[in-house]
PDB file of N, CA and C in Angstrom:
ATOM      1  N   MET A   1     128.199  92.143  80.385  1.00  0.00           N
ATOM      2  CA  MET A   1     126.228  92.022  80.535  1.00  0.00           C
ATOM      3  C   MET A   1     126.171  92.743  78.657  1.00  0.00           C
ATOM      4  N   GLU A   2     125.835  92.511  77.763  1.00  0.00           N
ATOM      5  CA  GLU A   2     125.763  92.901  76.440  1.00  0.00           C
ATOM      6  C   GLU A   2     124.411  93.905  76.917  1.00  0.00           C
ATOM      7  N   LEU A   3     123.493  94.466  76.200  1.00  0.00           N
ATOM      8  CA  LEU A   3     122.904  95.441  76.268  1.00  0.00           C
ATOM      9  C   LEU A   3     122.937  95.343  74.368  1.00  0.00           C
ATOM     10  N   ALA A   4     121.208  95.268  73.330  1.00  0.00           N
ATOM     11  CA  ALA A   4     120.843  95.026  72.368  1.00  0.00           C
ATOM     12  C   ALA A   4     119.514  96.421  72.889  1.00  0.00           C
ATOM     13  N   TRP A   5     120.582  97.372  71.319  1.00  0.00           N
ATOM     14  CA  TRP A   5     119.582  98.602  71.542  1.00  0.00           C
ATOM     15  C   TRP A   5     118.071  98.204  70.061  1.00  0.00           C
ATOM     16  N   PHE A   6     117.094  98.081  70.426  1.00  0.00           N
ATOM     17  CA  PHE A   6     116.204  98.247  69.412  1.00  0.00           C
ATOM     18  C   PHE A   6     115.320  99.386  69.596  1.00  0.00           C
ATOM     19  N   LYS A   7     115.931  99.868  68.428  1.00  0.00           N
ATOM     20  CA  LYS A   7     114.256 101.469  67.539  1.00  0.00           C
ATOM     21  C   LYS A   7     113.415 100.903  68.184  1.00  0.00           C
ATOM     22  N   SER A   8     112.350 102.075  68.334  1.00  0.00           N
ATOM     23  CA  SER A   8     110.504 102.429  68.197  1.00  0.00           C
ATOM     24  C   SER A   8     109.535 101.668  66.545  1.00  0.00           C
ATOM     25  N   SER A   9     109.151 100.741  66.435  1.00  0.00           N
ATOM     26  CA  SER A   9     108.833 100.625  65.100  1.00  0.00           C
ATOM     27  C   SER A   9     107.640 101.851  64.255  1.00  0.00           C
ATOM     28  N   HIS A  10     107.930 102.396  65.876  1.00  0.00           N
ATOM     29  CA  HIS A  10     106.342 104.013  65.702  1.00  0.00           C
ATOM     30  C   HIS A  10     108.043 105.314  65.434  1.00  0.00           C
ATOM     31  N   SER A  11     109.067 105.340  64.939  1.00  0.00           N
ATOM     32  CA  SER A  11     110.425 106.501  65.004  1.00  0.00           C
ATOM     33  C   SER A  11     110.529 105.939  63.108  1.00  0.00           C
ATOM     34  N   SER A  12     110.185 107.161  62.949  1.00  0.00           N
ATOM     35  CA  SER A  12     110.899 107.062  61.277  1.00  0.00           C
ATOM     36  C   SER A  12     111.676 107.151  61.475  1.00  0.00           C
ATOM     37  N   ASN A  13     112.555 107.495  60.101  1.00  0.00           N
ATOM     38  CA  ASN A  13     114.213 108.522  59.467  1.00  0.00           C
ATOM     39  C   ASN A  13     114.330 109.098  60.535  1.00  0.00           C
ATOM     40  N   GLU A  14     113.211 110.644  60.264  1.00  0.00           N
ATOM     41  CA  GLU A  14     113.300 111.871  60.453  1.00  0.00           C
ATOM     42  C   GLU A  14     114.306 112.737  61.087  1.00  0.00           C
ATOM     43  N   GLY A  15     113.760 111.424  62.248  1.00  0.00           N
ATOM     44  CA  GLY A  15     115.147 112.050  63.559  1.00  0.00           C
ATOM     45  C   GLY A  15     113.532 112.439  64.589  1.00  0.00           C
ATOM     46  N   GLY A  16     113.908 112.935  65.380  1.00  0.00           N
ATOM     47  CA  GLY A  16     112.326 113.418  65.554  1.00  0.00           C
ATOM     48  C   GLY A  16     112.664 112.531  67.791  1.00  0.00           C
ATOM     49  N   GLU A  17     111.930 112.467  68.436  1.00  0.00           N
ATOM     50  CA  GLU A  17     111.524 111.788  69.503  1.00  0.00           C
ATOM     51  C   GLU A  17     110.941 109.814  68.664  1.00  0.00           C
ATOM     52  N   CYS A  18     112.187 109.332  69.371  1.00  0.00           N
ATOM     53  CA  CYS A  18     111.786 107.894  69.117  1.00  0.00           C
ATOM     54  C   CYS A  18     112.368 107.301  71.006  1.00  0.00           C
ATOM     55  N   ILE A  19     111.604 105.945  70.738  1.00  0.00           N
ATOM     56  CA  ILE A  19     111.916 105.655  72.161  1.00  0.00           C
ATOM     57  C   ILE A  19     113.598 103.931  71.704  1.00  0.00           C
ATOM     58  N   GLU A  20     113.871 104.038  72.197  1.00  0.00           N
ATOM     59  CA  GLU A  20     115.316 102.757  72.524  1.00  0.00           C
ATOM     60  C   GLU A  20     114.650 101.941  74.066  1.00  0.00           C
ATOM     61  N   VAL A  21     115.224 100.858  73.843  1.00  0.00           N
ATOM     62  CA  VAL A  21     114.810  99.622  74.647  1.00  0.00           C
ATOM     63  C   VAL A  21     116.312  98.707  74.710  1.00  0.00           C
ATOM     64  N   ALA A  22     116.812  98.842  75.818  1.00  0.00           N
ATOM     65  CA  ALA A  22     117.904  97.678  75.924  1.00  0.00           C
ATOM     66  C   ALA A  22     117.387  96.853  76.857  1.00  0.00           C
ATOM     67  N   TRP A  23     117.730  95.357  76.305  1.00  0.00           N
ATOM     68  CA  TRP A  23     117.086  94.209  76.291  1.00  0.00           C
ATOM     69  C   TRP A  23     118.419  92.874  77.421  1.00  0.00           C
ATOM     70  N   ARG A  24     118.211  93.052  78.308  1.00  0.00           N
ATOM     71  CA  ARG A  24     119.223  92.568  79.155  1.00  0.00           C
ATOM     72  C   ARG A  24     119.446  90.570  79.445  1.00  0.00           C
ATOM     73  N   LYS A  25     119.807  90.078  78.823  1.00  0.00           N
ATOM     74  CA  LYS A  25     120.135  88.820  79.604  1.00  0.00           C
ATOM     75  C   LYS A  25     120.048  88.304  80.668  1.00  0.00           C
ATOM     76  N   SER A  26     119.594  87.207  81.452  1.00  0.00           N
ATOM     77  CA  SER A  26     119.581  86.652  82.448  1.00  0.00           C
ATOM     78  C   SER A  26     121.328  86.365  82.802  1.00  0.00           C
ATOM     79  N   SER A  27     121.401  86.503  83.523  1.00  0.00           N
ATOM     80  CA  SER A  27     123.068  85.987  84.524  1.00  0.00           C
ATOM     81  C   SER A  27     122.914  84.873  84.426  1.00  0.00           C
ATOM     82  N   TYR A  28     121.666  83.393  84.761  1.00  0.00           N
ATOM     83  CA  TYR A  28     121.783  82.555  84.828  1.00  0.00           C
ATOM     84  C   TYR A  28     121.716  82.217  83.447  1.00  0.00           C
ATOM     85  N   CYS A  29     122.141  82.891  82.362  1.00  0.00           N
ATOM     86  CA  CYS A  29     121.641  81.592  81.085  1.00  0.00           C
ATOM     87  C   CYS A  29     122.617  81.994  80.181  1.00  0.00           C
ATOM     88  N   ASN A  30     123.042  80.784  79.298  1.00  0.00           N
ATOM     89  CA  ASN A  30     124.145  80.289  78.919  1.00  0.00           C
ATOM     90  C   ASN A  30     123.550  80.494  77.486  1.00  0.00           C
ATOM     91  N   ASP A  31     123.693  80.217  75.982  1.00  0.00           N
ATOM     92  CA  ASP A  31     124.120  79.808  74.317  1.00  0.00           C
ATOM     93  C   ASP A  31     122.962  78.589  74.362  1.00  0.00           C
ATOM     94  N   LYS A  32     123.122  77.345  75.088  1.00  0.00           N
ATOM     95  CA  LYS A  32     122.876  76.343  74.978  1.00  0.00           C
ATOM     96  C   LYS A  32     121.134  76.144  75.740  1.00  0.00           C
ATOM     97  N   GLU A  33     121.336  76.657  76.466  1.00  0.00           N
ATOM     98  CA  GLU A  33     119.444  76.308  77.776  1.00  0.00           C
ATOM     99  C   GLU A  33     118.928  77.051  77.531  1.00  0.00           C
ATOM    100  N   PHE A  34     117.531  76.670  77.356  1.00  0.00           N
ATOM    101  CA  PHE A  34     116.157  76.684  76.573  1.00  0.00           C
ATOM    102  C   PHE A  34     114.989  77.662  77.472  1.00  0.00           C
ATOM    103  N   ALA A  35     115.217  77.718  79.311  1.00  0.00           N
ATOM    104  CA  ALA A  35     114.765  78.760  79.488  1.00  0.00           C
ATOM    105  C   ALA A  35     115.221  79.840  79.729  1.00  0.00           C
ATOM    106  N   CYS A  36     115.519  80.703  79.466  1.00  0.00           N
ATOM    107  CA  CYS A  36     116.220  81.444  79.999  1.00  0.00           C
ATOM    108  C   CYS A  36     115.451  82.774  79.614  1.00  0.00           C
ATOM    109  N   VAL A  37     115.625  84.259  80.251  1.00  0.00           N
ATOM    110  CA  VAL A  37     114.520  85.775  79.999  1.00  0.00           C
ATOM    111  C   VAL A  37     115.859  86.906  79.690  1.00  0.00           C
ATOM    112  N   GLU A  38     115.130  87.303  79.220  1.00  0.00           N
ATOM    113  CA  GLU A  38     115.039  88.969  78.533  1.00  0.00           C
ATOM    114  C   GLU A  38     114.348  90.132  79.412  1.00  0.00           C
ATOM    115  N   VAL A  39     114.808  90.768  80.165  1.00  0.00           N
ATOM    116  CA  VAL A  39     114.177  91.978  80.754  1.00  0.00           C
ATOM    117  C   VAL A  39     114.789  93.449  80.122  1.00  0.00           C
ATOM    118  N   ALA A  40     114.222  94.250  79.709  1.00  0.00           N
ATOM    119  CA  ALA A  40     113.834  95.787  79.176  1.00  0.00           C
ATOM    120  C   ALA A  40     113.773  96.695  80.140  1.00  0.00           C
ATOM    121  N   GLU A  41     114.138  97.135  80.977  1.00  0.00           N
ATOM    122  CA  GLU A  41     113.057  98.803  81.796  1.00  0.00           C
ATOM    123  C   GLU A  41     113.297 100.010  81.091  1.00  0.00           C
ATOM    124  N   THR A  42     111.524 100.334  81.305  1.00  0.00           N
ATOM    125  CA  THR A  42     111.459 101.913  80.721  1.00  0.00           C
ATOM    126  C   THR A  42     111.099 102.680  81.895  1.00  0.00           C
ATOM    127  N   PRO A  43     110.697 103.982  81.483  1.00  0.00           N
ATOM    128  CA  PRO A  43     109.480 104.739  83.044  1.00  0.00           C
ATOM    129  C   PRO A  43     108.583 103.968  83.147  1.00  0.00           C
ATOM    130  N   GLY A  44     108.172 103.486  84.356  1.00  0.00           N
ATOM    131  CA  GLY A  44     106.721 103.414  85.407  1.00  0.00           C
ATOM    132  C   GLY A  44     106.691 101.750  84.853  1.00  0.00           C
ATOM    133  N   THR A  45     107.851 100.540  83.451  1.00  0.00           N
ATOM    134  CA  THR A  45     107.391  99.341  83.298  1.00  0.00           C
ATOM    135  C   THR A  45     108.461  98.591  82.785  1.00  0.00           C
ATOM    136  N   VAL A  46     108.755  96.948  83.696  1.00  0.00           N
ATOM    137  CA  VAL A  46     109.691  96.740  83.186  1.00  0.00           C
ATOM    138  C   VAL A  46     109.003  95.614  82.036  1.00  0.00           C
ATOM    139  N   HIS A  47     109.734  94.623  81.121  1.00  0.00           N
ATOM    140  CA  HIS A  47     109.195  94.376  80.326  1.00  0.00           C
ATOM    141  C   HIS A  47     110.172  93.304  79.987  1.00  0.00           C
ATOM    142  N   VAL A  48     109.406  91.868  79.756  1.00  0.00           N
ATOM    143  CA  VAL A  48     109.939  90.138  80.048  1.00  0.00           C
ATOM    144  C   VAL A  48     109.974  89.367  78.992  1.00  0.00           C
ATOM    145  N   ARG A  49     110.765  88.371  78.275  1.00  0.00           N
ATOM    146  CA  ARG A  49     110.439  87.850  76.712  1.00  0.00           C
ATOM    147  C   ARG A  49     111.533  86.971  77.720  1.00  0.00           C
ATOM    148  N   ASP A  50     110.991  85.778  76.333  1.00  0.00           N
ATOM    149  CA  ASP A  50     111.817  84.534  76.042  1.00  0.00           C
ATOM    150  C   ASP A  50     113.288  85.375  75.596  1.00  0.00           C
ATOM    151  N   SER A  51     114.125  84.683  76.124  1.00  0.00           N
ATOM    152  CA  SER A  51     114.975  85.172  74.839  1.00  0.00           C
ATOM    153  C   SER A  51     115.351  84.309  73.143  1.00  0.00           C
ATOM    154  N   LYS A  52     114.982  83.210  73.520  1.00  0.00           N
ATOM    155  CA  LYS A  52     114.306  82.168  72.041  1.00  0.00           C
ATOM    156  C   LYS A  52     113.940  82.725  71.077  1.00  0.00           C
ATOM    157  N   ASP A  53     112.444  83.354  71.910  1.00  0.00           N
ATOM    158  CA  ASP A  53     111.313  84.037  71.253  1.00  0.00           C
ATOM    159  C   ASP A  53     111.167  85.836  70.810  1.00  0.00           C
ATOM    160  N   LYS A  54     113.009  86.213  70.855  1.00  0.00           N
ATOM    161  CA  LYS A  54     111.996  87.600  70.747  1.00  0.00           C
ATOM    162  C   LYS A  54     111.215  88.419  69.512  1.00  0.00           C
ATOM    163  N   SER A  55     110.132  87.874  69.355  1.00  0.00           N
ATOM    164  CA  SER A  55     109.170  88.750  68.532  1.00  0.00           C
ATOM    165  C   SER A  55     107.668  87.722  68.245  1.00  0.00           C
ATOM    166  N   GLY A  56     108.244  86.976  70.466  1.00  0.00           N
ATOM    167  CA  GLY A  56     106.722  86.067  70.495  1.00  0.00           C
ATOM    168  C   GLY A  56     107.120  87.213  71.632  1.00  0.00           C
ATOM    169  N   PRO A  57     105.358  86.783  73.211  1.00  0.00           N
ATOM    170  CA  PRO A  57     104.642  87.617  73.544  1.00  0.00           C
ATOM    171  C   PRO A  57     106.173  87.935  75.245  1.00  0.00           C
ATOM    172  N   GLN A  58     105.619  88.985  75.324  1.00  0.00           N
ATOM    173  CA  GLN A  58     106.156  89.599  76.607  1.00  0.00           C
ATOM    174  C   GLN A  58     104.715  89.326  77.785  1.00  0.00           C
ATOM    175  N   LEU A  59     105.293  90.049  78.639  1.00  0.00           N
ATOM    176  CA  LEU A  59     104.569  89.749  80.116  1.00  0.00           C
ATOM    177  C   LEU A  59     105.181  91.850  80.830  1.00  0.00           C
ATOM    178  N   THR A  60     104.395  92.098  80.869  1.00  0.00           N
ATOM    179  CA  THR A  60     104.941  93.407  81.634  1.00  0.00           C
ATOM    180  C   THR A  60     104.547  93.635  82.827  1.00  0.00           C
ATOM    181  N   PHE A  61     105.804  94.417  83.860  1.00  0.00           N
ATOM    182  CA  PHE A  61     104.952  94.351  85.136  1.00  0.00           C
ATOM    183  C   PHE A  61     106.006  96.229  85.527  1.00  0.00           C
ATOM    184  N   SER A  62     105.031  96.075  87.097  1.00  0.00           N
ATOM    185  CA  SER A  62     105.281  97.272  87.748  1.00  0.00           C
ATOM    186  C   SER A  62     106.741  96.851  87.519  1.00  0.00           C
ATOM    187  N   PRO A  63     107.951  98.142  87.945  1.00  0.00           N
ATOM    188  CA  PRO A  63     108.785  98.260  88.564  1.00  0.00           C
ATOM    189  C   PRO A  63     108.714  97.801  89.991  1.00  0.00           C
ATOM    190  N   ASP A  64     107.757  98.041  90.699  1.00  0.00           N
ATOM    191  CA  ASP A  64     107.308  97.453  91.578  1.00  0.00           C
ATOM    192  C   ASP A  64     107.179  95.856  92.259  1.00  0.00           C
ATOM    193  N   ALA A  65     106.590  96.084  91.480  1.00  0.00           N
ATOM    194  CA  ALA A  65     106.113  94.346  91.170  1.00  0.00           C
ATOM    195  C   ALA A  65     107.180  93.770  91.065  1.00  0.00           C
ATOM    196  N   TRP A  66     108.020  94.118  89.690  1.00  0.00           N
ATOM    197  CA  TRP A  66     108.820  92.907  89.623  1.00  0.00           C
ATOM    198  C   TRP A  66     110.585  93.143  90.401  1.00  0.00           C
ATOM    199  N   GLN A  67     110.622  94.021  91.069  1.00  0.00           N
ATOM    200  CA  GLN A  67     111.422  94.313  92.566  1.00  0.00           C
ATOM    201  C   GLN A  67     111.041  92.747  93.356  1.00  0.00           C
ATOM    202  N   ALA A  68     108.906  93.110  93.986  1.00  0.00           N
ATOM    203  CA  ALA A  68     109.004  91.871  94.668  1.00  0.00           C
ATOM    204  C   ALA A  68     109.836  90.946  93.973  1.00  0.00           C
ATOM    205  N   PHE A  69     109.186  90.411  92.579  1.00  0.00           N
ATOM    206  CA  PHE A  69     109.643  89.705  92.996  1.00  0.00           C
ATOM    207  C   PHE A  69     110.540  88.600  92.536  1.00  0.00           C
ATOM    208  N   VAL A  70     112.092  89.486  92.265  1.00  0.00           N
ATOM    209  CA  VAL A  70     113.266  89.223  92.090  1.00  0.00           C
ATOM    210  C   VAL A  70     113.627  89.159  93.303  1.00  0.00           C
ATOM    211  N   ALA A  71     113.505  90.369  94.208  1.00  0.00           N
ATOM    212  CA  ALA A  71     113.146  89.371  95.952  1.00  0.00           C
ATOM    213  C   ALA A  71     113.112  88.539  96.569  1.00  0.00           C
ATOM    214  N   PHE A  72     111.677  87.983  95.928  1.00  0.00           N
ATOM    215  CA  PHE A  72     111.397  86.650  96.434  1.00  0.00           C
ATOM    216  C   PHE A  72     112.129  85.372  95.240  1.00  0.00           C
ATOM    217  N   ALA A  73     112.325  85.373  94.377  1.00  0.00           N
ATOM    218  CA  ALA A  73     112.751  84.379  93.333  1.00  0.00           C
ATOM    219  C   ALA A  73     114.649  84.775  94.167  1.00  0.00           C
ATOM    220  N   ALA A  74     115.369  85.712  94.317  1.00  0.00           N
ATOM    221  CA  ALA A  74     116.586  85.395  95.137  1.00  0.00           C
ATOM    222  C   ALA A  74     116.422  84.607  96.690  1.00  0.00           C
ATOM    223  N   THR A  75     115.581  84.508  97.492  1.00  0.00           N
ATOM    224  CA  THR A  75     115.169  83.828  98.343  1.00  0.00           C
ATOM    225  C   THR A  75     114.488  82.173  98.103  1.00  0.00           C
ATOM    226  N   ALA A  76     114.345  81.919  97.114  1.00  0.00           N
ATOM    227  CA  ALA A  76     113.739  80.564  97.094  1.00  0.00           C
ATOM    228  C   ALA A  76     114.292  79.668  96.903  1.00  0.00           C
ATOM    229  N   ASP A  77     113.484  78.645  97.271  1.00  0.00           N
ATOM    230  CA  ASP A  77     114.741  77.800  97.293  1.00  0.00           C
ATOM    231  C   ASP A  77     114.366  76.784  95.582  1.00  0.00           C
ATOM    232  N   THR A  78     115.423  76.405  95.603  1.00  0.00           N
ATOM    233  CA  THR A  78     115.125  76.009  93.977  1.00  0.00           C
ATOM    234  C   THR A  78     115.763  74.720  93.748  1.00  0.00           C
ATOM    235  N   HIS A  79     116.268  73.749  94.743  1.00  0.00           N
ATOM    236  CA  HIS A  79     115.554  72.137  94.596  1.00  0.00           C
ATOM    237  C   HIS A  79     114.411  71.280  94.982  1.00  0.00           C
TER     238      HIS A  79
END
């Protein structure tokens, strides 16, 4: 899985403290699918966005809430 790194828009070119986020695309997604998500984990927050609309809205979750969702989704009946 390839990570895409993005430098914070609040960072300057003069160095100093910056925040970079790596987005991971769902392993269930391929380039032709429309219902794809990307996830980026930062300390204390998990960010989720639509892979086809990278500048669009994002959802944020606590790590505990995200773990609970992933555990539920792994056991949910998809049919």
